[in-house]
Amino acid sequence: MADNNTEKWMLKGPEFTNCLCSYGCPCQFMAPSTHGRCEAIVCGEIEEGYFNDTKLDGLRWATVYKWPGEIAQGNGTQQVIIDEKATAEQREALRKILHGESTTPMSNHFFIFNAMSSEVLDTVYAPFELSIDIAGRRAKATVPGMLEVSGEPIKSPFDGSDYHARINLPNGFEYTVAEVGSGTSKSTGGVPLEFKDSYGQFCALHLNQDGVIR
């Protein structure tokens, strides 16, 4: 159970991830990353959520991560970006969730990524545009001066048609099923990154303080 059992939270909504790996992302299969290091931008929207008595519905967020080697080797840098329209109470609640606080150890990706980061930059509150279509495998996120993210279906090299693939992780700590696509992104904030036509992942998050709700 979470360290502080007086704090209960839940979030439900779409998430898009674009990382440095080739399509499929070996990390999803407990294999070494494509380039021997991990860099990723993750963004999402809370369709329904709360932290104790604080509602989180409608808030958008992003996390930017960079590790010099594999995630399990640590020494990562991360920065959280939260929709500026959040109230003070919502900002603190979502900051805690995205940093893996008030969470059972090792129960979700936010906790693990935070535990493997030696440098956690100050949270940024900024205007946020976001759209994620999981079934259509399309996403777009913009945080002016910080992020430009886009996702689309993988294109067949044979006939140019949309290629459809999924990953199913029955015991995954982030999702159960993810649609696989292509991402192109650029981060110019505290963790500068840039990807083009690399692994894109579209999934529905449904988490609470104890992990994935299935």
Protein backbone atom coordinates (compact mmCIF):
# COMPACT_ATOMS: atom_id res chain seq x y z
CA MET A 1 0.00 0.00 0.00
CA ALA A 2 1.04 3.63 -0.39
CA ASP A 3 3.37 5.03 2.26
CA ASN A 4 0.77 7.49 3.48
CA ASN A 5 -2.52 5.62 3.52
CA THR A 6 -4.43 8.81 4.33
CA GLU A 7 -3.76 10.02 0.77
CA LYS A 8 -5.93 8.36 -1.86
CA TRP A 9 -5.89 9.28 -5.52
CA MET A 10 -7.04 8.11 -8.93
CA LEU A 11 -6.55 9.28 -12.48
CA LYS A 12 -8.10 8.05 -15.70
CA GLY A 13 -7.43 9.35 -19.20
CA PRO A 14 -5.39 9.07 -22.41
CA GLU A 15 -1.60 9.16 -22.49
CA PHE A 16 0.88 9.50 -25.35
CA THR A 17 4.58 8.70 -25.07
CA ASN A 18 7.32 9.42 -27.59
CA CYS A 19 10.75 8.00 -26.85
CA LEU A 20 14.10 7.60 -28.57
CA CYS A 21 13.67 3.87 -29.32
CA SER A 22 12.76 2.25 -32.61
CA TYR A 23 9.15 1.18 -33.18
CA GLY A 24 8.13 -1.42 -30.60
CA CYS A 25 10.54 -0.12 -27.91
CA PRO A 26 12.60 -3.03 -26.51
CA CYS A 27 12.07 -1.65 -22.99
CA GLN A 28 8.46 -2.87 -23.20
CA PHE A 29 9.87 -6.41 -23.35
CA MET A 30 12.56 -6.13 -20.65
CA ALA A 31 15.28 -5.80 -23.31
CA PRO A 32 17.98 -3.14 -23.63
CA SER A 33 16.89 0.11 -25.26
CA THR A 34 17.58 0.69 -28.96
CA HIS A 35 20.40 3.20 -28.41
CA GLY A 36 21.59 2.21 -24.94
CA ARG A 37 19.95 5.19 -23.30
CA CYS A 38 16.42 6.37 -22.59
CA GLU A 39 14.91 9.73 -23.48
CA ALA A 40 11.16 10.26 -23.46
CA ILE A 41 8.34 12.78 -23.45
CA VAL A 42 5.04 11.66 -21.92
CA CYS A 43 1.83 13.67 -21.97
CA GLY A 44 -1.72 13.06 -20.87
CA GLU A 45 -5.10 14.43 -19.93
CA ILE A 46 -7.16 13.51 -16.88
CA GLU A 47 -10.73 12.76 -17.92
CA GLU A 48 -11.58 11.76 -14.37
CA GLY A 49 -9.41 12.00 -11.29
CA TYR A 50 -8.97 13.10 -7.70
CA PHE A 51 -6.41 13.41 -4.92
CA ASN A 52 -8.22 13.01 -1.61
CA ASP A 53 -10.99 15.63 -1.90
CA THR A 54 -9.37 17.57 -4.77
CA LYS A 55 -10.85 16.90 -8.21
CA LEU A 56 -8.38 16.72 -11.11
CA ASP A 57 -10.81 16.38 -14.05
CA GLY A 58 -9.77 18.13 -17.25
CA LEU A 59 -6.14 18.83 -16.31
CA ARG A 60 -3.31 18.24 -18.77
CA TRP A 61 0.24 17.30 -17.93
CA ALA A 62 3.58 16.26 -19.40
CA THR A 63 6.79 14.72 -18.11
CA VAL A 64 10.18 14.91 -19.81
CA TYR A 65 12.86 12.33 -18.98
CA LYS A 66 16.48 11.71 -19.91
CA TRP A 67 18.79 8.93 -18.74
CA PRO A 68 22.43 8.58 -19.87
CA GLY A 69 22.01 4.78 -19.98
CA GLU A 70 19.22 2.33 -19.23
CA ILE A 71 16.51 3.51 -16.84
CA ALA A 72 17.46 0.84 -14.31
CA GLN A 73 20.97 2.33 -14.10
CA GLY A 74 19.56 5.60 -12.77
CA ASN A 75 21.09 9.08 -12.92
CA GLY A 76 18.13 10.43 -14.88
CA THR A 77 16.88 13.99 -15.18
CA GLN A 78 13.18 14.80 -15.24
CA GLN A 79 10.83 17.74 -15.38
CA VAL A 80 7.07 17.86 -14.88
CA ILE A 81 4.83 20.33 -16.72
CA ILE A 82 1.29 20.96 -15.46
CA ASP A 83 -1.58 22.88 -17.04
CA GLU A 84 -1.48 26.45 -15.72
CA LYS A 85 -5.26 26.45 -15.21
CA ALA A 86 -4.84 24.12 -12.23
CA THR A 87 -5.60 25.64 -8.83
CA ALA A 88 -2.96 25.66 -6.10
CA GLU A 89 -4.48 22.51 -4.57
CA GLN A 90 -4.65 20.76 -7.95
CA ARG A 91 -1.06 21.73 -8.78
CA GLU A 92 0.30 20.19 -5.59
CA ALA A 93 -1.86 17.07 -5.94
CA LEU A 94 -0.84 16.40 -9.53
CA ARG A 95 2.79 17.23 -8.80
CA LYS A 96 2.79 14.53 -6.12
CA ILE A 97 1.26 11.93 -8.44
CA LEU A 98 3.61 12.66 -11.33
CA HIS A 99 6.63 12.47 -9.02
CA GLY A 100 5.53 9.10 -7.66
CA GLU A 101 4.72 10.44 -4.21
CA SER A 102 1.80 9.12 -2.12
CA THR A 103 2.20 5.92 -4.14
CA THR A 104 2.98 2.30 -3.28
CA PRO A 105 6.66 1.78 -4.15
CA MET A 106 7.26 0.32 -7.64
CA SER A 107 3.53 0.23 -8.43
CA ASN A 108 3.51 2.57 -11.44
CA HIS A 109 5.79 4.22 -13.99
CA PHE A 110 5.73 7.61 -12.26
CA PHE A 111 7.23 6.11 -9.09
CA ILE A 112 9.85 4.11 -11.00
CA PHE A 113 10.94 6.97 -13.25
CA ASN A 114 11.22 9.31 -10.26
CA ALA A 115 13.20 6.75 -8.26
CA MET A 116 15.65 6.42 -11.17
CA SER A 117 16.14 10.20 -11.50
CA SER A 118 18.95 11.89 -9.59
CA GLU A 119 17.95 15.34 -10.83
CA VAL A 120 14.34 16.50 -10.51
CA LEU A 121 13.86 19.96 -11.97
CA ASP A 122 11.28 22.42 -10.67
CA THR A 123 7.74 21.78 -11.88
CA VAL A 124 6.56 24.20 -14.59
CA TYR A 125 2.97 25.50 -14.83
CA ALA A 126 2.17 26.61 -18.36
CA PRO A 127 -0.59 26.94 -20.99
CA PHE A 128 -1.22 23.56 -22.56
CA GLU A 129 -2.82 22.36 -25.80
CA LEU A 130 -3.35 18.62 -26.12
CA SER A 131 -5.31 16.08 -28.15
CA ILE A 132 -4.90 12.29 -28.00
CA ASP A 133 -6.85 9.81 -30.14
CA ILE A 134 -5.83 6.35 -28.94
CA ALA A 135 -7.84 4.34 -31.48
CA GLY A 136 -6.72 6.59 -34.34
CA ARG A 137 -3.15 6.64 -33.08
CA ARG A 138 -2.85 10.39 -33.31
CA ALA A 139 -1.69 12.96 -30.77
CA LYS A 140 -0.60 16.57 -30.62
CA ALA A 141 0.68 18.56 -27.65
CA THR A 142 2.00 22.10 -27.44
CA VAL A 143 3.43 23.96 -24.48
CA PRO A 144 4.70 27.28 -25.88
CA GLY A 145 8.45 27.64 -25.49
CA MET A 146 8.81 24.14 -24.05
CA LEU A 147 7.23 21.31 -26.01
CA GLU A 148 6.02 20.32 -29.47
CA VAL A 149 4.79 16.72 -29.64
CA SER A 150 3.01 14.81 -32.39
CA GLY A 151 2.00 11.21 -32.93
CA GLU A 152 0.60 9.37 -35.93
CA PRO A 153 0.19 5.83 -37.27
CA ILE A 154 3.23 3.99 -38.57
CA LYS A 155 3.19 3.98 -42.38
CA SER A 156 3.76 0.78 -44.34
CA PRO A 157 6.95 1.05 -46.44
CA PHE A 158 5.25 -1.10 -49.07
CA ASP A 159 2.05 0.78 -49.87
CA GLY A 160 1.97 3.77 -47.50
CA SER A 161 -1.07 2.51 -45.60
CA ASP A 162 -1.44 2.84 -41.81
CA TYR A 163 0.24 -0.07 -40.03
CA HIS A 164 -1.61 -1.26 -36.91
CA ALA A 165 0.21 -2.92 -34.00
CA ARG A 166 -0.47 -3.25 -30.26
CA ILE A 167 1.41 -4.26 -27.14
CA ASN A 168 -0.44 -6.20 -24.43
CA LEU A 169 1.11 -6.27 -20.95
CA PRO A 170 -1.32 -8.06 -18.61
CA ASN A 171 0.85 -7.20 -15.59
CA GLY A 172 2.24 -3.89 -16.82
CA PHE A 173 2.85 -1.05 -14.34
CA GLU A 174 1.64 1.64 -16.78
CA TYR A 175 -1.00 0.12 -19.03
CA THR A 176 -2.54 -3.19 -20.12
CA VAL A 177 -2.86 -2.47 -23.86
CA ALA A 178 -1.04 0.18 -25.88
CA GLU A 179 -1.48 1.15 -29.51
CA VAL A 180 1.87 1.59 -31.26
CA GLY A 181 2.59 4.49 -33.57
CA SER A 182 5.23 6.99 -34.61
CA GLY A 183 6.23 10.14 -32.80
CA THR A 184 8.12 13.33 -33.62
CA SER A 185 8.81 15.69 -30.73
CA LYS A 186 11.00 18.48 -29.47
CA SER A 187 11.57 19.68 -25.92
CA THR A 188 13.30 23.03 -25.38
CA GLY A 189 12.71 23.36 -21.62
CA GLY A 190 14.85 22.12 -18.77
CA VAL A 191 15.44 18.76 -20.48
CA PRO A 192 16.17 19.44 -24.17
CA LEU A 193 15.28 16.47 -26.42
CA GLU A 194 14.41 15.90 -30.06
CA PHE A 195 13.00 12.81 -31.80
CA LYS A 196 11.83 12.14 -35.34
CA ASP A 197 9.81 9.12 -36.47
CA SER A 198 10.58 7.11 -33.34
CA TYR A 199 8.48 4.96 -30.99
CA GLY A 200 5.07 6.36 -30.17
CA GLN A 201 2.76 4.78 -27.60
CA PHE A 202 -0.94 5.53 -27.13
CA CYS A 203 -2.68 4.10 -24.06
CA ALA A 204 -5.43 4.66 -21.54
CA LEU A 205 -4.14 5.29 -18.03
CA HIS A 206 -6.23 4.12 -15.09
CA LEU A 207 -4.16 4.33 -11.93
CA ASN A 208 -4.51 4.84 -8.21
CA GLN A 209 -2.05 4.98 -5.31
CA ASP A 210 -1.60 1.19 -5.49
CA GLY A 211 -1.03 0.78 -9.23
CA VAL A 212 -2.91 -0.01 -12.42
CA ILE A 213 -6.67 -0.51 -12.12
CA ARG A 214 -7.66 -3.36 -14.44
